[in-house]
Amino acid sequence: MTPPTAILAPPVSVSVIRLTGELGTVEMDSLARALTSLLAENRKRIVLNFRGVKHVSLGGIAKLAERNQRFKSLGGEVKLASVTPYVANLFNLVGAYSSFDTLATEEEAVTRFENG
């Protein structure tokens, strides 16, 4: 009788979206659709890199927070990286900053996913 063999699944990859410019309502709606598409592909570990972002619509931030709650309810998460103080303040204004795990760099965010 042969002993049972363990088959390990490959680690789930992390999807990174690098954002730039001013993210108004149209851009944030597009981002929400992209996140929904990733979720449909079972890609539940997302890093949004805000390094090049100058402004984000407040309504868009609220939608993004709702999308993150959906990811969390399905065992995933959206992490934020390289958020400028100005953009962080916008997230705070709508009460959404604390609902995200926010890291200084994209690399730190990816590592946080990989290390659990």
Protein backbone atom coordinates (compact mmCIF):
# COMPACT_ATOMS: atom_id res chain seq x y z
CA MET A 1 0.00 0.00 0.00
CA THR A 2 1.44 3.36 -0.97
CA PRO A 3 1.16 6.31 1.41
CA PRO A 4 -1.13 9.17 0.39
CA THR A 5 0.50 11.90 -1.63
CA ALA A 6 -0.07 15.55 -0.86
CA ILE A 7 -0.63 17.77 -3.84
CA LEU A 8 0.07 21.38 -3.10
CA ALA A 9 -1.69 24.01 -5.14
CA PRO A 10 0.48 26.82 -6.45
CA PRO A 11 0.27 30.00 -4.41
CA VAL A 12 -2.44 32.41 -5.45
CA SER A 13 -0.92 35.31 -7.29
CA VAL A 14 -1.43 38.95 -6.44
CA SER A 15 -2.89 41.30 -9.03
CA VAL A 16 -1.40 44.79 -9.05
CA ILE A 17 -3.14 47.78 -10.60
CA ARG A 18 -1.01 50.92 -10.96
CA LEU A 19 -3.14 54.05 -10.97
CA THR A 20 -2.15 57.51 -12.21
CA GLY A 21 -3.57 60.98 -12.63
CA GLU A 22 -6.91 62.21 -11.41
CA LEU A 23 -9.45 59.51 -10.67
CA GLY A 24 -12.88 61.03 -11.18
CA THR A 25 -16.20 59.26 -11.19
CA VAL A 26 -15.70 57.78 -14.67
CA GLU A 27 -12.22 56.41 -13.82
CA MET A 28 -13.39 55.02 -10.49
CA ASP A 29 -16.36 53.32 -12.17
CA SER A 30 -13.90 51.77 -14.63
CA LEU A 31 -11.73 50.60 -11.73
CA ALA A 32 -14.76 49.07 -10.01
CA ARG A 33 -15.58 47.15 -13.21
CA ALA A 34 -11.97 45.95 -13.46
CA LEU A 35 -12.11 44.71 -9.86
CA THR A 36 -15.38 42.90 -10.57
CA SER A 37 -13.74 41.22 -13.58
CA LEU A 38 -10.79 40.11 -11.45
CA LEU A 39 -13.18 38.72 -8.86
CA ALA A 40 -15.02 36.79 -11.59
CA GLU A 41 -11.63 35.25 -12.52
CA ASN A 42 -11.18 34.24 -8.85
CA ARG A 43 -8.36 36.77 -8.42
CA LYS A 44 -9.10 38.00 -4.93
CA ARG A 45 -5.77 39.47 -3.83
CA ILE A 46 -5.44 42.95 -5.27
CA VAL A 47 -2.95 45.76 -4.71
CA LEU A 48 -3.89 49.24 -5.91
CA ASN A 49 -0.77 51.37 -6.32
CA PHE A 50 -1.68 55.04 -5.89
CA ARG A 51 1.84 56.39 -6.48
CA GLY A 52 0.89 58.54 -9.48
CA VAL A 53 -2.56 59.59 -8.27
CA LYS A 54 -3.17 63.28 -7.70
CA HIS A 55 -6.88 63.22 -6.80
CA VAL A 56 -9.69 60.70 -6.23
CA SER A 57 -13.41 61.43 -6.29
CA LEU A 58 -15.05 61.01 -2.90
CA GLY A 59 -17.92 59.01 -4.40
CA GLY A 60 -15.41 56.74 -6.09
CA ILE A 61 -13.67 56.09 -2.79
CA ALA A 62 -16.97 55.00 -1.25
CA LYS A 63 -17.55 52.59 -4.16
CA LEU A 64 -14.02 51.24 -3.77
CA ALA A 65 -14.61 50.62 -0.06
CA GLU A 66 -17.81 48.74 -0.91
CA ARG A 67 -15.91 46.65 -3.46
CA ASN A 68 -13.25 45.85 -0.84
CA GLN A 69 -15.96 44.62 1.53
CA ARG A 70 -17.20 42.31 -1.23
CA PHE A 71 -13.65 40.97 -1.74
CA LYS A 72 -13.31 40.38 2.02
CA SER A 73 -16.64 38.56 2.18
CA LEU A 74 -15.29 36.16 -0.47
CA GLY A 75 -11.93 35.59 1.25
CA GLY A 76 -9.92 38.23 -0.59
CA GLU A 77 -8.86 41.81 -0.08
CA VAL A 78 -7.89 45.02 -1.83
CA LYS A 79 -4.77 46.61 -0.35
CA LEU A 80 -3.60 50.15 -1.04
CA ALA A 81 0.02 51.12 -1.69
CA SER A 82 1.97 54.36 -2.10
CA VAL A 83 -0.94 56.55 -1.02
CA THR A 84 0.02 60.23 -0.79
CA PRO A 85 -1.01 62.18 2.32
CA TYR A 86 -3.52 64.17 0.24
CA VAL A 87 -5.21 61.04 -1.14
CA ALA A 88 -5.14 59.42 2.32
CA ASN A 89 -6.96 62.49 3.64
CA LEU A 90 -9.65 62.02 0.97
CA PHE A 91 -10.11 58.40 2.08
CA ASN A 92 -10.39 59.64 5.68
CA LEU A 93 -13.01 62.23 4.72
CA VAL A 94 -15.40 59.50 3.61
CA GLY A 95 -14.45 57.19 6.49
CA ALA A 96 -12.90 54.59 4.19
CA TYR A 97 -9.20 54.74 5.07
CA SER A 98 -9.44 52.34 8.01
CA SER A 99 -11.28 49.73 5.92
CA PHE A 100 -8.14 49.17 3.82
CA ASP A 101 -4.77 47.70 4.66
CA THR A 102 -2.52 50.52 3.44
CA LEU A 103 1.20 50.03 2.91
CA ALA A 104 4.04 52.35 1.97
CA THR A 105 5.04 50.53 -1.21
CA GLU A 106 3.65 48.10 -3.75
CA GLU A 107 6.33 45.60 -2.81
CA GLU A 108 5.30 45.70 0.87
CA ALA A 109 1.66 45.14 -0.08
CA VAL A 110 2.49 42.14 -2.29
CA THR A 111 4.73 40.72 0.46
CA ARG A 112 1.94 41.12 3.03
CA PHE A 113 -0.29 38.94 0.85
CA GLU A 114 2.45 36.38 0.30
CA ASN A 115 3.27 36.14 4.00
CA GLY A 116 -0.36 35.96 5.04
